Amino acid sequence: MAKAPLARARLDTLHRLNEAGIATYVFVGPLLHDQLFAEIKKAGTSEIIVEFLNMPGHLRTQLNGYLTSEPTDIQEVHATSQDAEFRALLEKQIKAWVVTHELKMRFDQIVHHLGAQSLKEGCSVRLVNPP
């Protein structure tokens, strides 16, 4: 997988933070790939949040209009990306990558904006320099 300069810079920053003893986690989505999970682990991060593509109705309409000039296979990939069957297959693959690369998924679920989810962590917020 070729690494874009911005992605490489982010991974390098994660590595430096982890080396300095600063705990990190990564938000991954909507582009998902096995090599990305491997690079995150290699950078020293072990916790991730994974999110499927969140496409609100007004954006979906706009994107659908744009996609009409794209090849049929591109249109089909977009159309199926919101299907429950596709998401179930992708979720199975994501969970396999999480296990393979010894990562922990925060919230113990993939964020997909369809239906009720219990996305809560047991943490408190502390201001470093309160006003």
N, C-alpha and C. Protein backbone atom coordinates (compact mmCIF):
# COMPACT_ATOMS: atom_id res chain seq x y z
N MET A 1 0.84 -1.17 0.00
CA MET A 1 0.00 0.00 0.00
C MET A 1 0.89 1.24 0.00
N ALA A 2 0.76 2.08 -1.01
CA ALA A 2 1.52 3.31 -1.05
C ALA A 2 1.02 4.24 0.03
N LYS A 3 1.94 4.90 0.68
CA LYS A 3 1.56 5.78 1.77
C LYS A 3 1.55 7.22 1.29
N ALA A 4 0.43 7.89 1.45
CA ALA A 4 0.34 9.30 1.12
C ALA A 4 1.17 10.08 2.12
N PRO A 5 1.75 11.22 1.71
CA PRO A 5 2.59 11.98 2.64
C PRO A 5 1.88 12.35 3.94
N LEU A 6 0.60 12.74 3.87
CA LEU A 6 -0.12 13.11 5.08
C LEU A 6 -0.33 11.89 5.99
N ALA A 7 -0.67 10.76 5.40
CA ALA A 7 -0.84 9.54 6.20
C ALA A 7 0.48 9.15 6.86
N ARG A 8 1.57 9.24 6.11
CA ARG A 8 2.88 8.90 6.68
C ARG A 8 3.23 9.85 7.82
N ALA A 9 2.94 11.13 7.65
CA ALA A 9 3.22 12.12 8.70
C ALA A 9 2.41 11.80 9.96
N ARG A 10 1.17 11.40 9.79
CA ARG A 10 0.33 11.06 10.94
C ARG A 10 0.87 9.83 11.66
N LEU A 11 1.26 8.82 10.89
CA LEU A 11 1.81 7.61 11.49
C LEU A 11 3.13 7.91 12.20
N ASP A 12 3.97 8.76 11.60
CA ASP A 12 5.22 9.14 12.25
C ASP A 12 4.96 9.89 13.56
N THR A 13 3.95 10.75 13.56
CA THR A 13 3.59 11.48 14.78
C THR A 13 3.11 10.53 15.86
N LEU A 14 2.29 9.56 15.47
CA LEU A 14 1.85 8.54 16.43
C LEU A 14 3.05 7.83 17.05
N HIS A 15 3.98 7.46 16.20
CA HIS A 15 5.17 6.76 16.67
C HIS A 15 5.94 7.61 17.69
N ARG A 16 6.13 8.89 17.38
CA ARG A 16 6.86 9.78 18.29
C ARG A 16 6.11 9.95 19.62
N LEU A 17 4.80 10.11 19.56
CA LEU A 17 4.01 10.24 20.79
C LEU A 17 4.11 8.98 21.64
N ASN A 18 3.96 7.83 21.00
CA ASN A 18 4.05 6.56 21.73
C ASN A 18 5.44 6.36 22.33
N GLU A 19 6.48 6.72 21.58
CA GLU A 19 7.85 6.61 22.08
C GLU A 19 8.07 7.50 23.30
N ALA A 20 7.36 8.64 23.34
CA ALA A 20 7.47 9.58 24.45
C ALA A 20 6.60 9.17 25.64
N GLY A 21 5.88 8.06 25.51
CA GLY A 21 5.06 7.57 26.61
C GLY A 21 3.66 8.18 26.66
N ILE A 22 3.25 8.84 25.58
CA ILE A 22 1.92 9.44 25.52
C ILE A 22 0.99 8.43 24.86
N ALA A 23 -0.01 7.99 25.60
CA ALA A 23 -0.96 7.00 25.07
C ALA A 23 -1.77 7.61 23.92
N THR A 24 -1.94 6.84 22.86
CA THR A 24 -2.68 7.31 21.69
C THR A 24 -3.73 6.29 21.29
N TYR A 25 -4.70 6.76 20.53
CA TYR A 25 -5.62 5.87 19.83
C TYR A 25 -5.87 6.49 18.47
N VAL A 26 -6.37 5.71 17.55
CA VAL A 26 -6.56 6.18 16.18
C VAL A 26 -8.01 6.01 15.77
N PHE A 27 -8.52 7.04 15.13
CA PHE A 27 -9.85 7.00 14.51
C PHE A 27 -9.62 6.56 13.06
N VAL A 28 -10.23 5.44 12.67
CA VAL A 28 -10.04 4.89 11.33
C VAL A 28 -11.38 4.89 10.60
N GLY A 29 -11.43 5.51 9.46
CA GLY A 29 -12.64 5.48 8.66
C GLY A 29 -12.67 6.65 7.71
N PRO A 30 -13.34 6.56 6.64
CA PRO A 30 -14.07 5.39 6.17
C PRO A 30 -13.23 4.44 5.33
N LEU A 31 -11.97 4.82 5.00
CA LEU A 31 -11.13 3.95 4.19
C LEU A 31 -10.44 2.94 5.10
N LEU A 32 -10.63 1.67 4.80
CA LEU A 32 -10.14 0.61 5.67
C LEU A 32 -9.29 -0.36 4.85
N HIS A 33 -8.14 -0.70 5.39
CA HIS A 33 -7.23 -1.61 4.68
C HIS A 33 -6.35 -2.32 5.71
N ASP A 34 -6.06 -3.57 5.45
CA ASP A 34 -5.23 -4.37 6.36
C ASP A 34 -3.90 -3.69 6.66
N GLN A 35 -3.25 -3.15 5.64
CA GLN A 35 -1.94 -2.52 5.83
C GLN A 35 -2.02 -1.31 6.76
N LEU A 36 -3.13 -0.57 6.71
CA LEU A 36 -3.31 0.57 7.61
C LEU A 36 -3.32 0.09 9.07
N PHE A 37 -4.03 -0.99 9.34
CA PHE A 37 -4.08 -1.54 10.70
C PHE A 37 -2.67 -1.97 11.13
N ALA A 38 -1.92 -2.57 10.21
CA ALA A 38 -0.55 -2.99 10.51
C ALA A 38 0.33 -1.78 10.83
N GLU A 39 0.19 -0.71 10.06
CA GLU A 39 1.00 0.50 10.27
C GLU A 39 0.65 1.17 11.60
N ILE A 40 -0.61 1.15 11.96
CA ILE A 40 -1.03 1.73 13.25
C ILE A 40 -0.36 0.97 14.40
N LYS A 41 -0.39 -0.35 14.34
CA LYS A 41 0.25 -1.16 15.38
C LYS A 41 1.76 -0.93 15.39
N LYS A 42 2.36 -0.85 14.22
CA LYS A 42 3.79 -0.63 14.10
C LYS A 42 4.19 0.72 14.72
N ALA A 43 3.30 1.71 14.67
CA ALA A 43 3.57 3.02 15.25
C ALA A 43 3.46 2.99 16.78
N GLY A 44 3.01 1.86 17.33
CA GLY A 44 2.94 1.72 18.78
C GLY A 44 1.57 1.98 19.37
N THR A 45 0.58 2.19 18.52
CA THR A 45 -0.79 2.42 18.99
C THR A 45 -1.52 1.08 19.03
N SER A 46 -2.29 0.88 20.09
CA SER A 46 -2.99 -0.40 20.19
C SER A 46 -4.50 -0.26 20.27
N GLU A 47 -5.01 0.97 20.35
CA GLU A 47 -6.46 1.17 20.41
C GLU A 47 -6.93 1.97 19.20
N ILE A 48 -8.05 1.54 18.64
CA ILE A 48 -8.61 2.23 17.48
C ILE A 48 -10.12 2.40 17.64
N ILE A 49 -10.63 3.39 16.95
CA ILE A 49 -12.06 3.55 16.76
C ILE A 49 -12.27 3.41 15.26
N VAL A 50 -13.16 2.52 14.87
CA VAL A 50 -13.44 2.29 13.46
C VAL A 50 -14.84 2.79 13.15
N GLU A 51 -14.96 3.53 12.06
CA GLU A 51 -16.26 4.06 11.65
C GLU A 51 -16.49 3.78 10.18
N PHE A 52 -17.68 3.27 9.89
CA PHE A 52 -18.10 3.15 8.49
C PHE A 52 -18.39 4.54 7.95
N LEU A 53 -18.47 4.65 6.67
CA LEU A 53 -18.79 5.91 6.02
C LEU A 53 -20.13 6.44 6.54
N ASN A 54 -20.10 7.65 7.09
CA ASN A 54 -21.30 8.30 7.60
C ASN A 54 -21.79 9.25 6.51
N MET A 55 -22.86 8.89 5.85
CA MET A 55 -23.34 9.65 4.71
C MET A 55 -24.74 10.17 4.99
N PRO A 56 -24.84 11.38 5.59
CA PRO A 56 -26.17 11.97 5.81
C PRO A 56 -26.91 12.13 4.48
N GLY A 57 -28.23 12.14 4.56
CA GLY A 57 -29.08 12.19 3.37
C GLY A 57 -28.72 13.27 2.37
N HIS A 58 -28.49 14.50 2.84
CA HIS A 58 -28.20 15.58 1.90
C HIS A 58 -26.87 15.37 1.16
N LEU A 59 -25.90 14.78 1.83
CA LEU A 59 -24.63 14.48 1.16
C LEU A 59 -24.76 13.30 0.20
N ARG A 60 -25.56 12.31 0.60
CA ARG A 60 -25.77 11.15 -0.27
C ARG A 60 -26.41 11.59 -1.58
N THR A 61 -27.40 12.49 -1.51
CA THR A 61 -28.06 12.99 -2.71
C THR A 61 -27.05 13.72 -3.60
N GLN A 62 -26.23 14.54 -2.99
CA GLN A 62 -25.23 15.29 -3.74
C GLN A 62 -24.22 14.33 -4.39
N LEU A 63 -23.75 13.35 -3.63
CA LEU A 63 -22.78 12.38 -4.17
C LEU A 63 -23.41 11.53 -5.27
N ASN A 64 -24.66 11.12 -5.08
CA ASN A 64 -25.33 10.33 -6.12
C ASN A 64 -25.37 11.10 -7.43
N GLY A 65 -25.63 12.41 -7.37
CA GLY A 65 -25.63 13.24 -8.58
C GLY A 65 -24.26 13.27 -9.23
N TYR A 66 -23.23 13.37 -8.43
CA TYR A 66 -21.86 13.39 -8.95
C TYR A 66 -21.51 12.04 -9.58
N LEU A 67 -21.94 10.95 -8.96
CA LEU A 67 -21.58 9.61 -9.42
C LEU A 67 -22.24 9.21 -10.74
N THR A 68 -23.26 9.92 -11.17
CA THR A 68 -23.93 9.54 -12.42
C THR A 68 -22.99 9.57 -13.62
N SER A 69 -21.93 10.35 -13.54
CA SER A 69 -20.96 10.40 -14.64
C SER A 69 -19.81 9.40 -14.46
N GLU A 70 -19.84 8.64 -13.37
CA GLU A 70 -18.79 7.66 -13.10
C GLU A 70 -19.18 6.29 -13.69
N PRO A 71 -18.18 5.40 -13.88
CA PRO A 71 -18.48 4.05 -14.39
C PRO A 71 -19.46 3.30 -13.48
N THR A 72 -20.18 2.37 -14.06
CA THR A 72 -21.20 1.60 -13.35
C THR A 72 -20.64 0.89 -12.13
N ASP A 73 -19.42 0.32 -12.24
CA ASP A 73 -18.86 -0.41 -11.09
C ASP A 73 -18.62 0.51 -9.90
N ILE A 74 -18.23 1.75 -10.15
CA ILE A 74 -18.04 2.73 -9.07
C ILE A 74 -19.39 3.05 -8.43
N GLN A 75 -20.41 3.23 -9.25
CA GLN A 75 -21.75 3.52 -8.74
C GLN A 75 -22.26 2.36 -7.88
N GLU A 76 -21.98 1.13 -8.32
CA GLU A 76 -22.44 -0.05 -7.57
C GLU A 76 -21.74 -0.18 -6.22
N VAL A 77 -20.44 0.12 -6.18
CA VAL A 77 -19.71 0.06 -4.91
C VAL A 77 -20.31 1.05 -3.92
N HIS A 78 -20.59 2.26 -4.38
CA HIS A 78 -21.19 3.26 -3.50
C HIS A 78 -22.58 2.81 -3.04
N ALA A 79 -23.38 2.29 -3.95
CA ALA A 79 -24.74 1.88 -3.61
C ALA A 79 -24.74 0.77 -2.56
N THR A 80 -23.83 -0.17 -2.69
CA THR A 80 -23.81 -1.30 -1.75
C THR A 80 -23.15 -0.95 -0.42
N SER A 81 -22.41 0.16 -0.37
CA SER A 81 -21.70 0.51 0.87
C SER A 81 -22.65 0.79 2.03
N GLN A 82 -23.90 1.04 1.75
CA GLN A 82 -24.86 1.31 2.81
C GLN A 82 -25.73 0.08 3.12
N ASP A 83 -25.54 -1.01 2.40
CA ASP A 83 -26.33 -2.22 2.61
C ASP A 83 -25.88 -2.99 3.85
N ALA A 84 -26.82 -3.53 4.58
CA ALA A 84 -26.52 -4.30 5.79
C ALA A 84 -25.63 -5.51 5.47
N GLU A 85 -25.89 -6.17 4.35
CA GLU A 85 -25.10 -7.35 3.97
C GLU A 85 -23.64 -6.98 3.74
N PHE A 86 -23.41 -5.89 3.04
CA PHE A 86 -22.04 -5.43 2.79
C PHE A 86 -21.35 -5.07 4.11
N ARG A 87 -22.05 -4.35 4.95
CA ARG A 87 -21.48 -3.93 6.23
C ARG A 87 -21.14 -5.14 7.10
N ALA A 88 -21.97 -6.17 7.05
CA ALA A 88 -21.69 -7.38 7.84
C ALA A 88 -20.40 -8.05 7.35
N LEU A 89 -20.22 -8.12 6.04
CA LEU A 89 -18.98 -8.70 5.49
C LEU A 89 -17.77 -7.86 5.87
N LEU A 90 -17.90 -6.54 5.74
CA LEU A 90 -16.80 -5.66 6.07
C LEU A 90 -16.49 -5.70 7.56
N GLU A 91 -17.52 -5.76 8.39
CA GLU A 91 -17.31 -5.83 9.83
C GLU A 91 -16.53 -7.09 10.20
N LYS A 92 -16.87 -8.19 9.56
CA LYS A 92 -16.15 -9.46 9.81
C LYS A 92 -14.67 -9.30 9.45
N GLN A 93 -14.39 -8.64 8.32
CA GLN A 93 -13.01 -8.43 7.89
C GLN A 93 -12.27 -7.50 8.84
N ILE A 94 -12.93 -6.42 9.26
CA ILE A 94 -12.30 -5.47 10.19
C ILE A 94 -11.95 -6.17 11.50
N LYS A 95 -12.86 -6.97 12.01
CA LYS A 95 -12.60 -7.68 13.27
C LYS A 95 -11.43 -8.64 13.12
N ALA A 96 -11.29 -9.26 11.95
CA ALA A 96 -10.15 -10.14 11.70
C ALA A 96 -8.85 -9.34 11.71
N TRP A 97 -8.84 -8.16 11.09
CA TRP A 97 -7.64 -7.32 11.10
C TRP A 97 -7.29 -6.88 12.52
N VAL A 98 -8.30 -6.56 13.31
CA VAL A 98 -8.08 -6.15 14.70
C VAL A 98 -7.38 -7.27 15.46
N VAL A 99 -7.84 -8.50 15.29
CA VAL A 99 -7.24 -9.65 15.96
C VAL A 99 -5.83 -9.90 15.42
N THR A 100 -5.68 -9.90 14.10
CA THR A 100 -4.38 -10.16 13.47
C THR A 100 -3.31 -9.19 13.97
N HIS A 101 -3.68 -7.93 14.10
CA HIS A 101 -2.70 -6.90 14.47
C HIS A 101 -2.72 -6.56 15.96
N GLU A 102 -3.43 -7.38 16.73
CA GLU A 102 -3.48 -7.25 18.19
C GLU A 102 -3.86 -5.84 18.62
N LEU A 103 -4.93 -5.34 18.03
CA LEU A 103 -5.47 -4.03 18.36
C LEU A 103 -6.71 -4.20 19.23
N LYS A 104 -7.08 -3.14 19.93
CA LYS A 104 -8.32 -3.14 20.70
C LYS A 104 -9.23 -2.09 20.08
N MET A 105 -10.48 -2.48 19.85
CA MET A 105 -11.45 -1.55 19.30
C MET A 105 -12.16 -0.85 20.45
N ARG A 106 -11.98 0.46 20.53
CA ARG A 106 -12.68 1.23 21.55
C ARG A 106 -14.18 1.08 21.34
N PHE A 107 -14.92 1.08 22.39
CA PHE A 107 -16.37 0.86 22.41
C PHE A 107 -16.74 -0.58 22.07
N ASP A 108 -15.78 -1.41 21.69
CA ASP A 108 -16.01 -2.80 21.32
C ASP A 108 -17.01 -2.97 20.19
N GLN A 109 -17.11 -1.95 19.35
CA GLN A 109 -17.99 -2.04 18.19
C GLN A 109 -17.55 -1.05 17.13
N ILE A 110 -18.01 -1.26 15.92
CA ILE A 110 -17.73 -0.36 14.82
C ILE A 110 -18.84 0.68 14.76
N VAL A 111 -18.45 1.94 14.66
CA VAL A 111 -19.44 3.01 14.59
C VAL A 111 -20.02 3.02 13.19
N HIS A 112 -21.35 2.89 13.12
CA HIS A 112 -21.94 2.87 11.77
C HIS A 112 -23.19 3.72 11.63
N HIS A 113 -23.59 4.46 12.64
CA HIS A 113 -24.67 5.44 12.55
C HIS A 113 -26.01 4.88 12.10
N LEU A 114 -26.19 3.59 12.20
CA LEU A 114 -27.47 2.97 11.84
C LEU A 114 -28.03 2.31 13.08
N GLY A 115 -28.99 2.92 13.70
CA GLY A 115 -29.59 2.34 14.90
C GLY A 115 -28.86 2.76 16.16
N ALA A 116 -29.37 2.27 17.27
CA ALA A 116 -28.83 2.66 18.57
C ALA A 116 -27.51 1.93 18.84
N GLN A 117 -26.54 2.68 19.33
CA GLN A 117 -25.28 2.10 19.76
C GLN A 117 -24.97 2.65 21.14
N SER A 118 -24.25 1.88 21.92
CA SER A 118 -23.86 2.34 23.25
C SER A 118 -22.40 2.75 23.24
N LEU A 119 -22.14 3.89 22.64
CA LEU A 119 -20.77 4.36 22.50
C LEU A 119 -20.37 5.20 23.70
N LYS A 120 -20.00 4.54 24.77
CA LYS A 120 -19.61 5.22 25.99
C LYS A 120 -18.34 4.59 26.53
N GLU A 121 -17.45 5.45 26.98
CA GLU A 121 -16.24 4.97 27.61
C GLU A 121 -16.25 5.43 29.05
N GLY A 122 -15.65 4.65 29.89
CA GLY A 122 -15.54 5.03 31.30
C GLY A 122 -14.32 5.90 31.52
N CYS A 123 -14.41 7.16 31.15
CA CYS A 123 -13.27 8.05 31.34
C CYS A 123 -13.75 9.40 31.82
N SER A 124 -12.84 10.16 32.38
CA SER A 124 -13.16 11.51 32.82
C SER A 124 -12.31 12.48 32.03
N VAL A 125 -12.77 13.69 31.94
CA VAL A 125 -12.05 14.74 31.23
C VAL A 125 -11.38 15.63 32.26
N ARG A 126 -10.12 15.91 32.06
CA ARG A 126 -9.38 16.77 32.98
C ARG A 126 -8.71 17.86 32.16
N LEU A 127 -8.93 19.11 32.54
CA LEU A 127 -8.29 20.22 31.87
C LEU A 127 -6.84 20.32 32.35
N VAL A 128 -5.92 20.40 31.42
CA VAL A 128 -4.51 20.50 31.78
C VAL A 128 -4.22 21.87 32.37
N ASN A 129 -4.72 22.90 31.74
CA ASN A 129 -4.53 24.27 32.23
C ASN A 129 -5.90 24.92 32.37
N PRO A 130 -6.62 24.63 33.46
CA PRO A 130 -7.97 25.19 33.59
C PRO A 130 -7.92 26.70 33.62
N PRO A 131 -9.01 27.35 33.12
CA PRO A 131 -9.04 28.82 33.08
C PRO A 131 -9.12 29.41 34.48
